[in-house]
Amino acid sequence: MDTIFLEQVKVQTKLGVPEWERAVAQTVLLDIEIGYDFSLACQSDAIADTIDYGQVVGRIRETLAERSFKLVEALGEHVCQLILQEFKAQNVRLKVSKPGILPGLKALGITIYRQV
């Protein structure tokens, strides 16, 4: 299995259990690994034969700007399903980090893995 990776993708979204925390968009960091068969793209050298990571990042930013989530888990599931369904990925590993939320903690978050 081949993998596209995108590290520390900064996105803005409304996220948090308390309503006040979802009142204003905050920065969330995403580390994304997308499983896909690159064999055709390796031969053709054509973007049409792979996943355009610029489109992936743009689509994630677009959908997260429009949505609000209480749980990091729900945000993560949403992003994984978007990548699997819209970009025909075979699997996705996603780390969602919410930086600077708790005192004395660099970040908190989740890592999930989904496949078709």
N, C-alpha and C. Protein backbone atom coordinates (compact mmCIF):
# COMPACT_ATOMS: atom_id res chain seq x y z
N MET A 1 0.85 -1.18 0.00
CA MET A 1 0.00 0.00 0.00
C MET A 1 0.89 1.24 0.00
N ASP A 2 0.56 2.18 -0.85
CA ASP A 2 1.27 3.45 -0.92
C ASP A 2 0.56 4.47 -0.02
N THR A 3 1.29 5.49 0.36
CA THR A 3 0.73 6.46 1.31
C THR A 3 1.10 7.89 0.94
N ILE A 4 0.11 8.76 0.93
CA ILE A 4 0.33 10.20 0.88
C ILE A 4 0.27 10.67 2.32
N PHE A 5 1.23 11.51 2.74
CA PHE A 5 1.13 12.05 4.09
C PHE A 5 1.12 13.57 4.05
N LEU A 6 0.33 14.14 4.93
CA LEU A 6 0.19 15.59 5.09
C LEU A 6 0.37 15.86 6.58
N GLU A 7 1.42 16.60 6.93
CA GLU A 7 1.73 16.82 8.34
C GLU A 7 1.35 18.23 8.79
N GLN A 8 0.78 18.30 9.95
CA GLN A 8 0.42 19.53 10.63
C GLN A 8 -0.35 20.50 9.73
N VAL A 9 -1.41 19.98 9.13
CA VAL A 9 -2.31 20.80 8.34
C VAL A 9 -3.13 21.64 9.31
N LYS A 10 -3.00 22.96 9.21
CA LYS A 10 -3.74 23.86 10.09
C LYS A 10 -5.11 24.15 9.49
N VAL A 11 -6.13 23.92 10.30
CA VAL A 11 -7.50 24.19 9.88
C VAL A 11 -8.21 24.99 10.97
N GLN A 12 -9.23 25.70 10.56
CA GLN A 12 -10.05 26.46 11.49
C GLN A 12 -11.43 25.80 11.57
N THR A 13 -11.88 25.56 12.80
CA THR A 13 -13.21 24.98 12.99
C THR A 13 -13.71 25.31 14.38
N LYS A 14 -14.99 25.15 14.56
CA LYS A 14 -15.59 25.34 15.89
C LYS A 14 -15.66 23.97 16.54
N LEU A 15 -14.99 23.85 17.70
CA LEU A 15 -14.83 22.54 18.33
C LEU A 15 -14.78 22.69 19.84
N GLY A 16 -15.57 21.88 20.54
CA GLY A 16 -15.53 21.85 21.99
C GLY A 16 -16.86 21.48 22.58
N VAL A 17 -16.83 20.89 23.76
CA VAL A 17 -18.06 20.48 24.42
C VAL A 17 -18.83 21.69 24.94
N PRO A 18 -18.18 22.63 25.66
CA PRO A 18 -18.94 23.79 26.11
C PRO A 18 -19.34 24.68 24.93
N GLU A 19 -20.54 25.20 24.99
CA GLU A 19 -21.04 26.05 23.91
C GLU A 19 -20.13 27.25 23.67
N TRP A 20 -19.58 27.84 24.75
CA TRP A 20 -18.71 29.01 24.59
C TRP A 20 -17.46 28.69 23.78
N GLU A 21 -16.99 27.44 23.86
CA GLU A 21 -15.78 27.05 23.14
C GLU A 21 -16.04 26.95 21.63
N ARG A 22 -17.30 26.67 21.26
CA ARG A 22 -17.67 26.58 19.85
C ARG A 22 -18.13 27.92 19.28
N ALA A 23 -18.10 28.97 20.08
CA ALA A 23 -18.56 30.28 19.62
C ALA A 23 -17.63 30.89 18.57
N VAL A 24 -16.35 30.58 18.66
CA VAL A 24 -15.36 31.14 17.75
C VAL A 24 -14.50 30.00 17.21
N ALA A 25 -14.16 30.08 15.93
CA ALA A 25 -13.32 29.04 15.32
C ALA A 25 -11.94 29.04 15.97
N GLN A 26 -11.36 27.87 16.09
CA GLN A 26 -10.03 27.72 16.66
C GLN A 26 -9.17 26.88 15.72
N THR A 27 -7.87 26.94 15.91
CA THR A 27 -6.94 26.18 15.08
C THR A 27 -6.82 24.75 15.59
N VAL A 28 -6.93 23.82 14.66
CA VAL A 28 -6.74 22.41 14.92
C VAL A 28 -5.69 21.93 13.93
N LEU A 29 -4.82 21.02 14.38
CA LEU A 29 -3.77 20.47 13.52
C LEU A 29 -4.12 19.03 13.13
N LEU A 30 -3.94 18.72 11.86
CA LEU A 30 -4.22 17.39 11.34
C LEU A 30 -2.96 16.78 10.74
N ASP A 31 -2.66 15.55 11.13
CA ASP A 31 -1.65 14.74 10.46
C ASP A 31 -2.42 13.64 9.75
N ILE A 32 -2.25 13.56 8.44
CA ILE A 32 -3.08 12.67 7.63
C ILE A 32 -2.20 11.72 6.81
N GLU A 33 -2.55 10.44 6.84
CA GLU A 33 -1.93 9.45 5.96
C GLU A 33 -3.05 8.83 5.14
N ILE A 34 -2.90 8.90 3.82
CA ILE A 34 -3.93 8.41 2.91
C ILE A 34 -3.38 7.23 2.12
N GLY A 35 -4.00 6.08 2.26
CA GLY A 35 -3.58 4.88 1.53
C GLY A 35 -4.21 4.84 0.16
N TYR A 36 -3.36 4.64 -0.86
CA TYR A 36 -3.83 4.64 -2.24
C TYR A 36 -2.81 3.90 -3.09
N ASP A 37 -3.24 3.28 -4.15
CA ASP A 37 -2.33 2.59 -5.07
C ASP A 37 -1.79 3.59 -6.08
N PHE A 38 -0.50 3.91 -5.96
CA PHE A 38 0.14 4.90 -6.84
C PHE A 38 0.74 4.30 -8.11
N SER A 39 0.59 2.99 -8.32
CA SER A 39 1.33 2.36 -9.42
C SER A 39 1.05 2.99 -10.78
N LEU A 40 -0.19 3.35 -11.06
CA LEU A 40 -0.52 3.99 -12.34
C LEU A 40 0.11 5.38 -12.43
N ALA A 41 0.02 6.14 -11.34
CA ALA A 41 0.60 7.49 -11.32
C ALA A 41 2.12 7.45 -11.48
N CYS A 42 2.75 6.42 -10.95
CA CYS A 42 4.21 6.28 -11.08
C CYS A 42 4.60 6.11 -12.55
N GLN A 43 3.75 5.47 -13.32
CA GLN A 43 4.03 5.25 -14.74
C GLN A 43 3.62 6.44 -15.60
N SER A 44 2.46 7.02 -15.30
CA SER A 44 1.91 8.08 -16.16
C SER A 44 2.43 9.47 -15.83
N ASP A 45 2.84 9.68 -14.57
CA ASP A 45 3.26 11.00 -14.10
C ASP A 45 2.13 12.02 -14.23
N ALA A 46 0.89 11.55 -14.09
CA ALA A 46 -0.29 12.40 -14.25
C ALA A 46 -1.04 12.53 -12.93
N ILE A 47 -1.39 13.74 -12.58
CA ILE A 47 -2.12 14.01 -11.33
C ILE A 47 -3.48 13.30 -11.32
N ALA A 48 -4.05 13.07 -12.49
CA ALA A 48 -5.35 12.40 -12.58
C ALA A 48 -5.28 10.95 -12.10
N ASP A 49 -4.08 10.39 -12.01
CA ASP A 49 -3.92 9.00 -11.60
C ASP A 49 -3.54 8.84 -10.13
N THR A 50 -3.69 9.90 -9.37
CA THR A 50 -3.41 9.83 -7.94
C THR A 50 -4.41 10.72 -7.21
N ILE A 51 -4.18 10.98 -5.95
CA ILE A 51 -5.02 11.88 -5.17
C ILE A 51 -4.31 13.23 -5.10
N ASP A 52 -4.99 14.27 -5.51
CA ASP A 52 -4.44 15.62 -5.48
C ASP A 52 -4.52 16.14 -4.04
N TYR A 53 -3.37 16.17 -3.36
CA TYR A 53 -3.39 16.55 -1.95
C TYR A 53 -3.80 18.00 -1.74
N GLY A 54 -3.59 18.85 -2.72
CA GLY A 54 -4.07 20.24 -2.62
C GLY A 54 -5.59 20.29 -2.56
N GLN A 55 -6.24 19.44 -3.34
CA GLN A 55 -7.70 19.36 -3.30
C GLN A 55 -8.18 18.77 -1.98
N VAL A 56 -7.45 17.80 -1.45
CA VAL A 56 -7.82 17.19 -0.17
C VAL A 56 -7.79 18.26 0.92
N VAL A 57 -6.69 19.00 1.02
CA VAL A 57 -6.56 20.04 2.05
C VAL A 57 -7.63 21.11 1.87
N GLY A 58 -7.85 21.55 0.64
CA GLY A 58 -8.88 22.56 0.39
C GLY A 58 -10.26 22.10 0.80
N ARG A 59 -10.59 20.87 0.48
CA ARG A 59 -11.91 20.34 0.82
C ARG A 59 -12.08 20.18 2.33
N ILE A 60 -11.03 19.72 3.01
CA ILE A 60 -11.10 19.60 4.47
C ILE A 60 -11.31 20.97 5.10
N ARG A 61 -10.52 21.95 4.68
CA ARG A 61 -10.67 23.30 5.23
C ARG A 61 -12.05 23.86 4.98
N GLU A 62 -12.57 23.63 3.80
CA GLU A 62 -13.91 24.12 3.45
C GLU A 62 -14.98 23.51 4.35
N THR A 63 -14.98 22.20 4.48
CA THR A 63 -16.03 21.54 5.25
C THR A 63 -15.91 21.82 6.75
N LEU A 64 -14.68 21.91 7.28
CA LEU A 64 -14.53 22.19 8.71
C LEU A 64 -14.88 23.63 9.04
N ALA A 65 -14.71 24.54 8.10
CA ALA A 65 -15.10 25.94 8.33
C ALA A 65 -16.62 26.08 8.42
N GLU A 66 -17.33 25.17 7.77
CA GLU A 66 -18.80 25.21 7.73
C GLU A 66 -19.46 24.47 8.89
N ARG A 67 -18.71 23.63 9.59
CA ARG A 67 -19.28 22.74 10.59
C ARG A 67 -18.86 23.13 12.00
N SER A 68 -19.55 22.55 12.95
CA SER A 68 -19.24 22.70 14.36
C SER A 68 -19.28 21.30 14.98
N PHE A 69 -18.31 21.00 15.85
CA PHE A 69 -18.22 19.69 16.47
C PHE A 69 -18.06 19.85 17.98
N LYS A 70 -18.68 18.98 18.73
CA LYS A 70 -18.44 18.94 20.17
C LYS A 70 -17.20 18.12 20.47
N LEU A 71 -17.05 16.98 19.79
CA LEU A 71 -15.97 16.06 20.10
C LEU A 71 -14.91 16.00 19.00
N VAL A 72 -13.66 15.88 19.42
CA VAL A 72 -12.55 15.68 18.49
C VAL A 72 -12.80 14.38 17.71
N GLU A 73 -13.39 13.39 18.36
CA GLU A 73 -13.67 12.12 17.71
C GLU A 73 -14.63 12.30 16.53
N ALA A 74 -15.66 13.11 16.71
CA ALA A 74 -16.63 13.35 15.63
C ALA A 74 -15.97 14.10 14.47
N LEU A 75 -15.12 15.06 14.77
CA LEU A 75 -14.39 15.78 13.73
C LEU A 75 -13.51 14.80 12.95
N GLY A 76 -12.80 13.94 13.67
CA GLY A 76 -11.92 12.97 13.02
C GLY A 76 -12.67 12.02 12.11
N GLU A 77 -13.79 11.53 12.56
CA GLU A 77 -14.60 10.62 11.74
C GLU A 77 -15.09 11.33 10.48
N HIS A 78 -15.51 12.58 10.64
CA HIS A 78 -15.98 13.37 9.49
C HIS A 78 -14.88 13.50 8.44
N VAL A 79 -13.68 13.84 8.87
CA VAL A 79 -12.56 14.02 7.93
C VAL A 79 -12.21 12.69 7.26
N CYS A 80 -12.15 11.61 8.02
CA CYS A 80 -11.83 10.31 7.43
C CYS A 80 -12.87 9.91 6.38
N GLN A 81 -14.12 10.05 6.70
CA GLN A 81 -15.17 9.67 5.74
C GLN A 81 -15.14 10.55 4.50
N LEU A 82 -14.85 11.82 4.66
CA LEU A 82 -14.71 12.72 3.51
C LEU A 82 -13.62 12.22 2.57
N ILE A 83 -12.46 11.88 3.11
CA ILE A 83 -11.34 11.42 2.29
C ILE A 83 -11.65 10.08 1.63
N LEU A 84 -12.23 9.16 2.37
CA LEU A 84 -12.57 7.86 1.82
C LEU A 84 -13.61 7.97 0.70
N GLN A 85 -14.62 8.77 0.91
CA GLN A 85 -15.73 8.85 -0.03
C GLN A 85 -15.44 9.77 -1.22
N GLU A 86 -14.93 10.95 -0.97
CA GLU A 86 -14.75 11.91 -2.05
C GLU A 86 -13.48 11.69 -2.86
N PHE A 87 -12.46 11.09 -2.26
CA PHE A 87 -11.18 10.92 -2.95
C PHE A 87 -10.84 9.46 -3.22
N LYS A 88 -11.76 8.56 -2.90
CA LYS A 88 -11.62 7.13 -3.19
C LYS A 88 -10.34 6.53 -2.61
N ALA A 89 -9.95 7.02 -1.44
CA ALA A 89 -8.80 6.45 -0.74
C ALA A 89 -9.16 5.05 -0.26
N GLN A 90 -8.14 4.22 -0.08
CA GLN A 90 -8.37 2.87 0.43
C GLN A 90 -8.37 2.84 1.95
N ASN A 91 -7.61 3.74 2.57
CA ASN A 91 -7.62 3.87 4.02
C ASN A 91 -7.10 5.25 4.41
N VAL A 92 -7.39 5.62 5.65
CA VAL A 92 -6.96 6.91 6.18
C VAL A 92 -6.55 6.73 7.64
N ARG A 93 -5.39 7.25 7.99
CA ARG A 93 -4.97 7.36 9.38
C ARG A 93 -4.91 8.86 9.67
N LEU A 94 -5.59 9.28 10.72
CA LEU A 94 -5.71 10.71 11.01
C LEU A 94 -5.39 10.99 12.47
N LYS A 95 -4.52 11.95 12.69
CA LYS A 95 -4.26 12.46 14.04
C LYS A 95 -4.82 13.87 14.09
N VAL A 96 -5.69 14.12 15.06
CA VAL A 96 -6.28 15.44 15.27
C VAL A 96 -5.71 15.98 16.58
N SER A 97 -5.06 17.14 16.51
CA SER A 97 -4.48 17.77 17.71
C SER A 97 -5.14 19.11 17.95
N LYS A 98 -5.49 19.32 19.19
CA LYS A 98 -6.09 20.57 19.64
C LYS A 98 -5.05 21.23 20.56
N PRO A 99 -4.24 22.15 20.01
CA PRO A 99 -3.14 22.71 20.80
C PRO A 99 -3.59 23.75 21.84
N GLY A 100 -2.83 23.78 22.95
CA GLY A 100 -3.00 24.84 23.95
C GLY A 100 -4.33 24.90 24.63
N ILE A 101 -5.05 23.80 24.73
CA ILE A 101 -6.38 23.82 25.33
C ILE A 101 -6.33 23.75 26.86
N LEU A 102 -5.47 22.90 27.39
CA LEU A 102 -5.36 22.76 28.84
C LEU A 102 -4.02 23.30 29.32
N PRO A 103 -4.00 23.97 30.46
CA PRO A 103 -2.73 24.48 31.00
C PRO A 103 -1.72 23.35 31.21
N GLY A 104 -0.48 23.62 30.83
CA GLY A 104 0.59 22.65 31.01
C GLY A 104 0.57 21.50 30.02
N LEU A 105 -0.24 21.62 28.97
CA LEU A 105 -0.38 20.56 27.97
C LEU A 105 -0.16 21.17 26.59
N LYS A 106 0.79 20.62 25.84
CA LYS A 106 1.06 21.14 24.50
C LYS A 106 -0.16 20.97 23.59
N ALA A 107 -0.75 19.79 23.61
CA ALA A 107 -1.92 19.51 22.77
C ALA A 107 -2.62 18.26 23.29
N LEU A 108 -3.85 18.10 22.87
CA LEU A 108 -4.59 16.87 23.12
C LEU A 108 -5.25 16.47 21.83
N GLY A 109 -5.66 15.23 21.75
CA GLY A 109 -6.33 14.82 20.51
C GLY A 109 -6.53 13.33 20.41
N ILE A 110 -6.69 12.90 19.17
CA ILE A 110 -6.98 11.49 18.88
C ILE A 110 -6.21 11.05 17.64
N THR A 111 -6.08 9.75 17.49
CA THR A 111 -5.61 9.15 16.26
C THR A 111 -6.63 8.06 15.90
N ILE A 112 -7.11 8.09 14.66
CA ILE A 112 -8.03 7.04 14.22
C ILE A 112 -7.60 6.51 12.85
N TYR A 113 -8.05 5.30 12.57
CA TYR A 113 -7.75 4.65 11.31
C TYR A 113 -9.06 4.10 10.74
N ARG A 114 -9.31 4.41 9.47
CA ARG A 114 -10.51 3.89 8.80
C ARG A 114 -10.11 3.36 7.43
N GLN A 115 -10.82 2.32 6.99
CA GLN A 115 -10.58 1.79 5.65
C GLN A 115 -11.89 1.37 5.01
N VAL A 116 -11.87 1.26 3.69
CA VAL A 116 -13.09 0.83 2.98
C VAL A 116 -13.19 -0.66 3.02
